[in-house]
N, C-alpha and C. Protein backbone atom coordinates (compact mmCIF):
# COMPACT_ATOMS: atom_id res chain seq x y z
N UNK A 1 18.60 -32.10 33.20
CA UNK A 1 19.15 -32.05 31.86
C UNK A 1 20.65 -32.36 31.88
N UNK A 2 21.04 -33.32 31.09
CA UNK A 2 22.45 -33.67 30.97
C UNK A 2 23.13 -32.75 29.97
N UNK A 3 22.46 -32.50 28.85
CA UNK A 3 23.02 -31.67 27.79
C UNK A 3 22.18 -30.40 27.63
N UNK A 4 22.86 -29.31 27.37
CA UNK A 4 22.21 -28.04 27.08
C UNK A 4 22.48 -27.69 25.62
N UNK A 5 21.47 -27.18 24.94
CA UNK A 5 21.68 -26.75 23.55
C UNK A 5 22.65 -25.58 23.54
N UNK A 6 23.59 -25.62 22.62
CA UNK A 6 24.55 -24.53 22.47
C UNK A 6 23.89 -23.39 21.69
N UNK A 7 24.37 -22.21 21.92
CA UNK A 7 23.82 -21.02 21.28
C UNK A 7 24.61 -20.71 20.01
N UNK A 8 23.97 -20.86 18.89
CA UNK A 8 24.59 -20.57 17.60
C UNK A 8 23.94 -19.35 16.95
N UNK A 9 23.31 -18.50 17.77
CA UNK A 9 22.61 -17.33 17.23
C UNK A 9 23.56 -16.34 16.54
N UNK A 10 24.86 -16.47 16.78
CA UNK A 10 25.81 -15.59 16.09
C UNK A 10 25.79 -15.84 14.58
N UNK A 11 25.23 -16.96 14.15
CA UNK A 11 25.14 -17.25 12.72
C UNK A 11 23.98 -16.52 12.04
N UNK A 12 23.03 -16.01 12.83
CA UNK A 12 21.90 -15.27 12.26
C UNK A 12 22.45 -14.08 11.47
N UNK A 13 21.93 -13.91 10.26
CA UNK A 13 22.41 -12.83 9.40
C UNK A 13 23.55 -13.26 8.48
N UNK A 14 23.98 -14.52 8.58
CA UNK A 14 25.08 -15.01 7.75
C UNK A 14 24.62 -15.08 6.29
N UNK A 15 25.41 -14.52 5.42
CA UNK A 15 25.09 -14.51 4.00
C UNK A 15 24.99 -15.94 3.47
N UNK A 16 23.98 -16.18 2.64
CA UNK A 16 23.79 -17.48 2.03
C UNK A 16 22.89 -18.41 2.82
N UNK A 17 22.49 -18.00 4.04
CA UNK A 17 21.64 -18.80 4.91
C UNK A 17 20.60 -17.86 5.51
N UNK A 18 19.36 -18.00 5.10
CA UNK A 18 18.33 -17.08 5.60
C UNK A 18 18.10 -17.28 7.09
N UNK A 19 17.60 -16.26 7.73
CA UNK A 19 17.28 -16.36 9.15
C UNK A 19 16.20 -17.41 9.40
N UNK A 20 15.27 -17.55 8.48
CA UNK A 20 14.23 -18.57 8.61
C UNK A 20 14.83 -19.96 8.57
N UNK A 21 15.72 -20.20 7.62
CA UNK A 21 16.38 -21.50 7.52
C UNK A 21 17.14 -21.80 8.80
N UNK A 22 17.93 -20.84 9.28
CA UNK A 22 18.72 -21.06 10.48
C UNK A 22 17.84 -21.27 11.71
N UNK A 23 16.78 -20.47 11.85
CA UNK A 23 15.88 -20.63 13.00
C UNK A 23 15.24 -22.02 13.00
N UNK A 24 14.79 -22.48 11.85
CA UNK A 24 14.22 -23.82 11.75
C UNK A 24 15.26 -24.89 12.08
N UNK A 25 16.47 -24.69 11.59
CA UNK A 25 17.54 -25.66 11.82
C UNK A 25 17.92 -25.70 13.31
N UNK A 26 17.96 -24.55 13.96
CA UNK A 26 18.25 -24.50 15.39
C UNK A 26 17.17 -25.22 16.19
N UNK A 27 15.91 -25.08 15.78
CA UNK A 27 14.80 -25.76 16.45
C UNK A 27 14.93 -27.27 16.30
N UNK A 28 15.29 -27.72 15.12
CA UNK A 28 15.51 -29.15 14.90
C UNK A 28 16.64 -29.66 15.82
N UNK A 29 17.73 -28.91 15.88
CA UNK A 29 18.85 -29.26 16.76
C UNK A 29 18.40 -29.33 18.22
N UNK A 30 17.60 -28.37 18.67
CA UNK A 30 17.10 -28.37 20.04
C UNK A 30 16.32 -29.66 20.32
N UNK A 31 15.58 -30.15 19.34
CA UNK A 31 14.86 -31.40 19.49
C UNK A 31 15.79 -32.58 19.74
N UNK A 32 16.93 -32.60 19.07
CA UNK A 32 17.90 -33.68 19.32
C UNK A 32 18.45 -33.60 20.74
N UNK A 33 18.71 -32.39 21.21
CA UNK A 33 19.21 -32.23 22.59
C UNK A 33 18.15 -32.71 23.58
N UNK A 34 16.92 -32.27 23.39
CA UNK A 34 15.82 -32.65 24.28
C UNK A 34 15.63 -34.17 24.28
N UNK A 35 15.60 -34.77 23.10
CA UNK A 35 15.39 -36.22 23.01
C UNK A 35 16.57 -37.01 23.58
N UNK A 36 17.78 -36.51 23.41
CA UNK A 36 18.94 -37.17 24.01
C UNK A 36 18.79 -37.20 25.52
N UNK A 37 18.41 -36.08 26.10
CA UNK A 37 18.23 -36.01 27.55
C UNK A 37 17.11 -36.93 28.04
N UNK A 38 15.99 -36.93 27.32
CA UNK A 38 14.86 -37.79 27.70
C UNK A 38 15.26 -39.25 27.65
N UNK A 39 15.95 -39.64 26.60
CA UNK A 39 16.35 -41.03 26.46
C UNK A 39 17.34 -41.44 27.55
N UNK A 40 18.29 -40.58 27.85
CA UNK A 40 19.26 -40.90 28.90
C UNK A 40 18.58 -41.04 30.25
N UNK A 41 17.62 -40.18 30.51
CA UNK A 41 16.87 -40.24 31.77
C UNK A 41 16.05 -41.54 31.84
N UNK A 42 15.37 -41.86 30.77
CA UNK A 42 14.55 -43.07 30.73
C UNK A 42 15.42 -44.33 30.86
N UNK A 43 16.53 -44.36 30.14
CA UNK A 43 17.42 -45.52 30.21
C UNK A 43 18.03 -45.67 31.60
N UNK A 44 18.37 -44.57 32.25
CA UNK A 44 18.91 -44.64 33.61
C UNK A 44 17.87 -45.20 34.58
N UNK A 45 16.61 -44.79 34.41
CA UNK A 45 15.54 -45.30 35.27
C UNK A 45 15.32 -46.79 35.03
N UNK A 46 15.37 -47.21 33.78
CA UNK A 46 15.20 -48.62 33.45
C UNK A 46 16.34 -49.46 34.02
N UNK A 47 17.54 -48.93 34.00
CA UNK A 47 18.69 -49.63 34.58
C UNK A 47 18.51 -49.78 36.08
N UNK A 48 18.08 -48.71 36.72
CA UNK A 48 17.85 -48.73 38.18
C UNK A 48 16.76 -49.74 38.54
N UNK A 49 15.73 -49.81 37.70
CA UNK A 49 14.61 -50.74 37.94
C UNK A 49 14.91 -52.16 37.44
N UNK A 50 16.11 -52.34 36.91
CA UNK A 50 16.53 -53.63 36.36
C UNK A 50 15.60 -54.11 35.24
N UNK A 51 15.26 -53.16 34.36
CA UNK A 51 14.40 -53.45 33.21
C UNK A 51 15.22 -53.48 31.92
N UNK A 52 16.45 -53.94 32.02
CA UNK A 52 17.33 -53.89 30.86
C UNK A 52 17.13 -55.03 29.88
N UNK A 53 16.51 -56.09 30.28
CA UNK A 53 16.32 -57.24 29.40
C UNK A 53 15.04 -57.16 28.59
N UNK A 54 14.55 -55.98 28.36
CA UNK A 54 13.27 -55.83 27.66
C UNK A 54 13.48 -55.30 26.24
N UNK A 55 12.53 -55.57 25.35
CA UNK A 55 12.62 -54.99 24.01
C UNK A 55 12.58 -53.46 24.04
N UNK A 56 11.86 -52.90 25.00
CA UNK A 56 11.77 -51.43 25.11
C UNK A 56 13.15 -50.83 25.40
N UNK A 57 13.87 -51.45 26.32
CA UNK A 57 15.22 -50.98 26.67
C UNK A 57 16.13 -51.05 25.44
N UNK A 58 16.07 -52.18 24.72
CA UNK A 58 16.91 -52.36 23.54
C UNK A 58 16.61 -51.30 22.48
N UNK A 59 15.34 -51.04 22.23
CA UNK A 59 14.98 -50.05 21.22
C UNK A 59 15.38 -48.64 21.63
N UNK A 60 15.24 -48.32 22.91
CA UNK A 60 15.65 -46.99 23.37
C UNK A 60 17.17 -46.83 23.29
N UNK A 61 17.90 -47.90 23.58
CA UNK A 61 19.36 -47.86 23.46
C UNK A 61 19.76 -47.59 22.01
N UNK A 62 19.07 -48.25 21.07
CA UNK A 62 19.37 -48.02 19.66
C UNK A 62 19.01 -46.59 19.25
N UNK A 63 17.89 -46.09 19.73
CA UNK A 63 17.44 -44.75 19.38
C UNK A 63 18.40 -43.68 19.91
N UNK A 64 19.04 -43.96 21.04
CA UNK A 64 19.95 -42.99 21.63
C UNK A 64 21.07 -42.61 20.66
N UNK A 65 21.58 -43.58 19.89
CA UNK A 65 22.63 -43.26 18.92
C UNK A 65 22.16 -42.26 17.88
N UNK A 66 20.93 -42.40 17.42
CA UNK A 66 20.38 -41.47 16.43
C UNK A 66 20.25 -40.07 17.02
N UNK A 67 19.63 -39.96 18.19
CA UNK A 67 19.40 -38.65 18.81
C UNK A 67 20.71 -37.99 19.23
N UNK A 68 21.60 -38.75 19.87
CA UNK A 68 22.87 -38.18 20.34
C UNK A 68 23.71 -37.70 19.16
N UNK A 69 23.86 -38.55 18.14
CA UNK A 69 24.65 -38.13 16.98
C UNK A 69 23.99 -36.99 16.23
N UNK A 70 22.64 -36.96 16.20
CA UNK A 70 21.95 -35.82 15.60
C UNK A 70 22.31 -34.53 16.33
N UNK A 71 22.36 -34.61 17.66
CA UNK A 71 22.76 -33.45 18.47
C UNK A 71 24.21 -33.06 18.18
N UNK A 72 25.10 -34.01 18.29
CA UNK A 72 26.53 -33.71 18.17
C UNK A 72 26.92 -33.29 16.76
N UNK A 73 26.39 -33.94 15.73
CA UNK A 73 26.73 -33.55 14.36
C UNK A 73 26.25 -32.14 14.05
N UNK A 74 25.07 -31.76 14.56
CA UNK A 74 24.62 -30.38 14.36
C UNK A 74 25.54 -29.39 15.08
N UNK A 75 26.02 -29.74 16.25
CA UNK A 75 26.96 -28.86 16.96
C UNK A 75 28.25 -28.68 16.15
N UNK A 76 28.75 -29.76 15.59
CA UNK A 76 29.96 -29.67 14.77
C UNK A 76 29.69 -28.87 13.50
N UNK A 77 28.54 -29.11 12.88
CA UNK A 77 28.15 -28.39 11.66
C UNK A 77 28.05 -26.89 11.92
N UNK A 78 27.23 -26.51 12.89
CA UNK A 78 27.09 -25.08 13.19
C UNK A 78 28.42 -24.48 13.64
N UNK A 79 29.20 -25.28 14.37
CA UNK A 79 30.49 -24.82 14.87
C UNK A 79 31.51 -24.54 13.78
N UNK A 80 31.39 -25.22 12.61
CA UNK A 80 32.35 -24.94 11.54
C UNK A 80 31.78 -23.98 10.49
N UNK A 81 30.70 -23.25 10.85
CA UNK A 81 30.16 -22.21 9.98
C UNK A 81 30.47 -20.83 10.54
N UNK A 82 30.33 -19.83 9.70
CA UNK A 82 30.50 -18.45 10.15
C UNK A 82 31.82 -17.84 9.73
N UNK A 83 32.62 -18.57 8.98
CA UNK A 83 33.92 -18.04 8.56
C UNK A 83 33.78 -17.00 7.46
N UNK A 84 34.83 -16.21 7.33
CA UNK A 84 34.81 -15.14 6.34
C UNK A 84 36.04 -15.17 5.43
N UNK A 85 36.96 -16.11 5.69
CA UNK A 85 38.19 -16.15 4.92
C UNK A 85 38.41 -17.54 4.35
N UNK A 86 39.16 -17.58 3.25
CA UNK A 86 39.51 -18.86 2.63
C UNK A 86 40.52 -19.59 3.50
N UNK A 87 40.66 -20.86 3.24
CA UNK A 87 41.64 -21.67 3.96
C UNK A 87 43.04 -21.14 3.71
N UNK A 88 43.79 -20.96 4.76
CA UNK A 88 45.20 -20.56 4.67
C UNK A 88 45.98 -21.75 4.13
N UNK A 89 46.57 -21.61 2.95
CA UNK A 89 47.27 -22.73 2.30
C UNK A 89 48.51 -23.17 3.09
N UNK A 90 48.94 -22.36 4.07
CA UNK A 90 50.07 -22.74 4.91
C UNK A 90 49.61 -23.44 6.19
N UNK A 91 48.29 -23.56 6.39
CA UNK A 91 47.78 -24.19 7.61
C UNK A 91 48.04 -25.69 7.61
N UNK A 92 47.99 -26.28 8.79
CA UNK A 92 48.18 -27.72 8.91
C UNK A 92 47.11 -28.49 8.14
N UNK A 93 45.87 -28.00 8.17
CA UNK A 93 44.80 -28.67 7.44
C UNK A 93 45.09 -28.68 5.95
N UNK A 94 45.50 -27.55 5.39
CA UNK A 94 45.81 -27.48 3.95
C UNK A 94 46.96 -28.41 3.60
N UNK A 95 47.97 -28.47 4.46
CA UNK A 95 49.11 -29.37 4.21
C UNK A 95 48.67 -30.83 4.21
N UNK A 96 47.79 -31.18 5.15
CA UNK A 96 47.32 -32.56 5.21
C UNK A 96 46.41 -32.90 4.04
N UNK A 97 45.60 -31.93 3.61
CA UNK A 97 44.76 -32.15 2.43
C UNK A 97 45.63 -32.41 1.20
N UNK A 98 46.67 -31.61 1.04
CA UNK A 98 47.57 -31.79 -0.10
C UNK A 98 48.27 -33.14 -0.02
N UNK A 99 48.67 -33.53 1.18
CA UNK A 99 49.34 -34.82 1.36
C UNK A 99 48.40 -35.98 1.01
N UNK A 100 47.15 -35.92 1.48
CA UNK A 100 46.24 -37.05 1.35
C UNK A 100 45.40 -37.05 0.08
N UNK A 101 45.23 -35.90 -0.55
CA UNK A 101 44.41 -35.81 -1.76
C UNK A 101 45.19 -35.33 -2.98
N UNK A 102 46.43 -34.95 -2.79
CA UNK A 102 47.24 -34.42 -3.89
C UNK A 102 47.23 -32.91 -3.95
N UNK A 103 46.11 -32.30 -3.53
CA UNK A 103 46.00 -30.84 -3.50
C UNK A 103 44.71 -30.48 -2.75
N UNK A 104 44.62 -29.22 -2.34
CA UNK A 104 43.38 -28.75 -1.74
C UNK A 104 42.25 -28.88 -2.76
N UNK A 105 42.51 -28.52 -4.00
CA UNK A 105 41.50 -28.56 -5.04
C UNK A 105 40.93 -29.97 -5.23
N UNK A 106 41.79 -30.98 -5.18
CA UNK A 106 41.32 -32.37 -5.28
C UNK A 106 40.46 -32.74 -4.08
N UNK A 107 40.88 -32.31 -2.89
CA UNK A 107 40.06 -32.57 -1.70
C UNK A 107 38.68 -31.92 -1.88
N UNK A 108 38.66 -30.64 -2.30
CA UNK A 108 37.40 -29.92 -2.44
C UNK A 108 36.48 -30.59 -3.46
N UNK A 109 37.03 -31.03 -4.59
CA UNK A 109 36.22 -31.73 -5.59
C UNK A 109 35.60 -32.99 -5.00
N UNK A 110 36.39 -33.74 -4.23
CA UNK A 110 35.89 -34.97 -3.64
C UNK A 110 34.83 -34.68 -2.57
N UNK A 111 35.06 -33.67 -1.74
CA UNK A 111 34.10 -33.32 -0.69
C UNK A 111 32.77 -32.89 -1.31
N UNK A 112 32.84 -32.02 -2.31
CA UNK A 112 31.62 -31.55 -2.98
C UNK A 112 30.91 -32.68 -3.70
N UNK A 113 31.66 -33.55 -4.36
CA UNK A 113 31.06 -34.69 -5.05
C UNK A 113 30.38 -35.62 -4.05
N UNK A 114 30.97 -35.79 -2.89
CA UNK A 114 30.36 -36.61 -1.84
C UNK A 114 29.05 -35.96 -1.39
N UNK A 115 29.06 -34.65 -1.21
CA UNK A 115 27.86 -33.92 -0.81
C UNK A 115 26.76 -33.93 -1.86
N UNK A 116 27.11 -34.12 -3.11
CA UNK A 116 26.13 -34.13 -4.20
C UNK A 116 25.52 -35.51 -4.44
N UNK A 117 26.00 -36.51 -3.74
CA UNK A 117 25.46 -37.86 -3.93
C UNK A 117 23.97 -37.85 -3.62
N UNK A 118 23.21 -38.67 -4.34
CA UNK A 118 21.77 -38.76 -4.09
C UNK A 118 21.54 -39.32 -2.70
N UNK A 119 20.57 -38.77 -2.02
CA UNK A 119 20.22 -39.25 -0.69
C UNK A 119 20.31 -38.14 0.33
N UNK A 120 19.99 -38.52 1.54
CA UNK A 120 20.04 -37.58 2.66
C UNK A 120 21.14 -38.01 3.61
N UNK A 121 21.71 -37.07 4.28
CA UNK A 121 22.75 -37.42 5.24
C UNK A 121 23.73 -36.30 5.50
N UNK A 122 24.97 -36.70 5.66
CA UNK A 122 26.06 -35.79 6.03
C UNK A 122 27.27 -36.09 5.15
N UNK A 123 28.04 -35.06 4.88
CA UNK A 123 29.36 -35.23 4.29
C UNK A 123 30.34 -34.78 5.35
N UNK A 124 31.29 -35.65 5.67
CA UNK A 124 32.21 -35.38 6.77
C UNK A 124 33.64 -35.65 6.34
N UNK A 125 34.50 -34.67 6.59
CA UNK A 125 35.94 -34.87 6.47
C UNK A 125 36.41 -35.45 7.79
N UNK A 126 36.91 -36.66 7.74
CA UNK A 126 37.41 -37.34 8.94
C UNK A 126 38.93 -37.36 8.94
N UNK A 127 39.46 -37.42 10.15
CA UNK A 127 40.88 -37.70 10.34
C UNK A 127 41.00 -39.01 11.08
N UNK A 128 41.77 -39.93 10.52
CA UNK A 128 42.05 -41.21 11.18
C UNK A 128 42.97 -40.92 12.37
N UNK A 129 42.51 -41.29 13.56
CA UNK A 129 43.28 -40.99 14.76
C UNK A 129 44.54 -41.83 14.91
N UNK A 130 44.67 -42.89 14.13
CA UNK A 130 45.86 -43.73 14.20
C UNK A 130 46.98 -43.18 13.33
N UNK A 131 46.69 -42.89 12.05
CA UNK A 131 47.76 -42.45 11.16
C UNK A 131 47.65 -41.00 10.71
N UNK A 132 46.59 -40.30 11.12
CA UNK A 132 46.43 -38.88 10.79
C UNK A 132 45.90 -38.61 9.40
N UNK A 133 45.61 -39.65 8.60
CA UNK A 133 45.11 -39.44 7.24
C UNK A 133 43.73 -38.80 7.25
N UNK A 134 43.47 -37.97 6.25
CA UNK A 134 42.17 -37.34 6.05
C UNK A 134 41.43 -38.06 4.93
N UNK A 135 40.10 -38.20 5.09
CA UNK A 135 39.27 -38.74 4.03
C UNK A 135 37.86 -38.24 4.20
N UNK A 136 37.14 -38.15 3.07
CA UNK A 136 35.75 -37.70 3.06
C UNK A 136 34.84 -38.91 3.11
N UNK A 137 33.77 -38.79 3.90
CA UNK A 137 32.86 -39.91 4.11
C UNK A 137 31.42 -39.44 4.02
N UNK A 138 30.57 -40.25 3.41
CA UNK A 138 29.13 -40.02 3.40
C UNK A 138 28.54 -40.76 4.59
N UNK A 139 27.70 -40.09 5.35
CA UNK A 139 26.98 -40.70 6.46
C UNK A 139 25.50 -40.59 6.15
N UNK A 140 24.82 -41.72 6.06
CA UNK A 140 23.41 -41.73 5.68
C UNK A 140 22.53 -41.28 6.84
N UNK A 141 22.46 -42.03 7.87
CA UNK A 141 21.71 -41.69 9.08
C UNK A 141 22.72 -41.29 10.15
N UNK A 142 22.27 -40.57 11.13
CA UNK A 142 23.19 -40.04 12.14
C UNK A 142 24.05 -41.11 12.79
N UNK A 143 23.46 -42.27 13.03
CA UNK A 143 24.15 -43.27 13.84
C UNK A 143 24.82 -44.38 13.02
N UNK A 144 24.79 -44.28 11.69
CA UNK A 144 25.28 -45.37 10.85
C UNK A 144 26.40 -44.89 9.94
N UNK A 145 27.48 -45.63 9.89
CA UNK A 145 28.53 -45.39 8.92
C UNK A 145 29.72 -44.59 9.40
N UNK A 146 29.74 -44.20 10.66
CA UNK A 146 30.90 -43.45 11.15
C UNK A 146 32.09 -44.40 11.29
N UNK A 147 33.23 -44.04 10.71
CA UNK A 147 34.39 -44.91 10.83
C UNK A 147 34.96 -44.87 12.25
N UNK A 148 35.18 -46.04 12.82
CA UNK A 148 35.68 -46.15 14.20
C UNK A 148 37.08 -45.54 14.30
N UNK A 149 37.32 -44.84 15.39
CA UNK A 149 38.64 -44.28 15.65
C UNK A 149 38.99 -43.09 14.79
N UNK A 150 37.99 -42.36 14.33
CA UNK A 150 38.22 -41.19 13.49
C UNK A 150 37.51 -39.97 14.08
N UNK A 151 38.07 -38.81 13.82
CA UNK A 151 37.53 -37.55 14.33
C UNK A 151 36.92 -36.75 13.19
N UNK A 152 35.67 -36.28 13.35
CA UNK A 152 35.10 -35.37 12.35
C UNK A 152 35.84 -34.03 12.39
N UNK A 153 36.32 -33.60 11.24
CA UNK A 153 37.08 -32.36 11.14
C UNK A 153 36.23 -31.25 10.51
N UNK A 154 35.47 -31.60 9.48
CA UNK A 154 34.56 -30.67 8.82
C UNK A 154 33.26 -31.42 8.56
N UNK A 155 32.14 -30.83 8.98
CA UNK A 155 30.84 -31.49 8.87
C UNK A 155 29.90 -30.62 8.04
N UNK A 156 29.29 -31.23 7.01
CA UNK A 156 28.30 -30.54 6.19
C UNK A 156 27.00 -31.34 6.22
N UNK A 157 25.94 -30.70 6.64
CA UNK A 157 24.61 -31.30 6.66
C UNK A 157 24.05 -31.26 5.25
N UNK A 158 23.65 -32.41 4.72
CA UNK A 158 23.02 -32.44 3.40
C UNK A 158 21.64 -33.09 3.46
N UNK A 159 21.02 -33.06 4.65
CA UNK A 159 19.60 -33.36 4.73
C UNK A 159 18.87 -32.15 4.13
N UNK A 160 17.68 -32.38 3.60
CA UNK A 160 16.95 -31.30 2.93
C UNK A 160 16.70 -30.08 3.81
N UNK A 161 16.51 -30.31 5.11
CA UNK A 161 16.22 -29.16 5.99
C UNK A 161 17.37 -28.16 6.03
N UNK A 162 18.56 -28.59 5.64
CA UNK A 162 19.73 -27.70 5.68
C UNK A 162 19.74 -26.70 4.52
N UNK A 163 18.94 -26.97 3.47
CA UNK A 163 19.05 -26.08 2.31
C UNK A 163 17.75 -25.80 1.55
N UNK A 164 16.73 -26.61 1.68
CA UNK A 164 15.57 -26.47 0.78
C UNK A 164 14.81 -25.15 0.93
N UNK A 165 14.73 -24.59 2.13
CA UNK A 165 14.02 -23.31 2.30
C UNK A 165 14.66 -22.24 1.44
N UNK A 166 15.99 -22.24 1.38
CA UNK A 166 16.70 -21.21 0.62
C UNK A 166 17.00 -21.60 -0.81
N UNK A 167 17.26 -22.88 -1.06
CA UNK A 167 17.78 -23.30 -2.36
C UNK A 167 16.89 -24.28 -3.11
N UNK A 168 15.78 -24.67 -2.54
CA UNK A 168 14.93 -25.66 -3.21
C UNK A 168 15.72 -26.93 -3.47
N UNK A 169 15.71 -27.40 -4.70
CA UNK A 169 16.42 -28.61 -5.06
C UNK A 169 17.86 -28.35 -5.53
N UNK A 170 18.32 -27.12 -5.43
CA UNK A 170 19.65 -26.74 -5.92
C UNK A 170 20.71 -26.99 -4.84
N UNK A 171 20.98 -28.26 -4.60
CA UNK A 171 21.95 -28.63 -3.57
C UNK A 171 23.33 -28.04 -3.86
N UNK A 172 23.72 -28.01 -5.13
CA UNK A 172 25.04 -27.46 -5.49
C UNK A 172 25.18 -26.00 -5.05
N UNK A 173 24.11 -25.23 -5.17
CA UNK A 173 24.15 -23.82 -4.74
C UNK A 173 24.32 -23.73 -3.23
N UNK A 174 23.64 -24.61 -2.51
CA UNK A 174 23.81 -24.67 -1.05
C UNK A 174 25.26 -25.01 -0.70
N UNK A 175 25.82 -25.99 -1.38
CA UNK A 175 27.20 -26.41 -1.08
C UNK A 175 28.16 -25.25 -1.33
N UNK A 176 27.93 -24.47 -2.37
CA UNK A 176 28.78 -23.29 -2.62
C UNK A 176 28.64 -22.28 -1.48
N UNK A 177 27.41 -22.06 -1.01
CA UNK A 177 27.19 -21.14 0.12
C UNK A 177 27.89 -21.67 1.36
N UNK A 178 27.78 -22.98 1.59
CA UNK A 178 28.45 -23.60 2.73
C UNK A 178 29.96 -23.34 2.66
N UNK A 179 30.55 -23.59 1.49
CA UNK A 179 31.99 -23.41 1.35
C UNK A 179 32.41 -21.96 1.58
N UNK A 180 31.56 -21.02 1.23
CA UNK A 180 31.92 -19.61 1.42
C UNK A 180 31.86 -19.20 2.89
N UNK A 181 31.28 -20.05 3.75
CA UNK A 181 31.13 -19.70 5.17
C UNK A 181 31.81 -20.68 6.11
N UNK A 182 32.71 -21.51 5.60
CA UNK A 182 33.44 -22.42 6.48
C UNK A 182 34.37 -21.61 7.37
N UNK A 183 34.35 -21.92 8.65
CA UNK A 183 35.28 -21.32 9.61
C UNK A 183 36.52 -22.22 9.63
N UNK A 184 37.49 -21.88 8.80
CA UNK A 184 38.67 -22.73 8.65
C UNK A 184 39.52 -22.77 9.92
N UNK A 185 39.43 -21.75 10.77
CA UNK A 185 40.16 -21.79 12.04
C UNK A 185 39.65 -22.93 12.92
N UNK A 186 38.32 -23.10 12.95
CA UNK A 186 37.73 -24.21 13.71
C UNK A 186 38.15 -25.53 13.09
N UNK A 187 38.08 -25.63 11.76
CA UNK A 187 38.46 -26.87 11.09
C UNK A 187 39.92 -27.19 11.38
N UNK A 188 40.78 -26.20 11.29
CA UNK A 188 42.21 -26.41 11.54
C UNK A 188 42.45 -26.88 12.98
N UNK A 189 41.70 -26.31 13.94
CA UNK A 189 41.90 -26.72 15.34
C UNK A 189 41.43 -28.16 15.56
N UNK A 190 40.39 -28.59 14.85
CA UNK A 190 39.94 -29.98 14.96
C UNK A 190 40.94 -30.92 14.32
N UNK A 191 41.49 -30.50 13.20
CA UNK A 191 42.44 -31.34 12.47
C UNK A 191 43.72 -31.51 13.27
N UNK A 192 44.22 -30.46 13.79
CA UNK A 192 45.51 -30.50 14.50
C UNK A 192 45.37 -31.11 15.89
N UNK A 193 44.16 -31.05 16.45
CA UNK A 193 43.95 -31.59 17.79
C UNK A 193 43.85 -33.10 17.77
N UNK A 194 43.47 -33.65 16.62
CA UNK A 194 43.26 -35.12 16.54
C UNK A 194 44.55 -35.86 16.42
């Protein structure tokens, strides 16, 4: 095994997210870890056997992006949950949000509006690694649409499995629950580290 699933069991019991929802979500995440490892092992064997010029190799290479990003995005998502306090308006993240969006409130409106868009995917606050600017981005599939040279700072899963057990079709209610449990310390460390 190249990758081991991280333990996010500390989130069990978190208000706004049932234990059933979290357990199912953790199982889905474990599948991404398992499939990432299987694909890497298979691709390494194909490379050793010099089977790289085959359609099978090409398709597995393409699939690796989906499985790997599914694994990593869930780690970032679970990692920025579990908070109990609002964003410190004096934090570096809050200052950058105000600089790039005019205010925290404008950033929040844009992030939530992005999360409410029709479709399945992710809403991600990115930081451009070249100029430090923050922007919100919709990601449809795990491996498509990530802006090159940018760091995910805050990740929200908006695939149905992230909310339907608890909220049915009420995505807005899920987004409110998500916002009440953001670990802003983690977000701030990602923002300032980039």
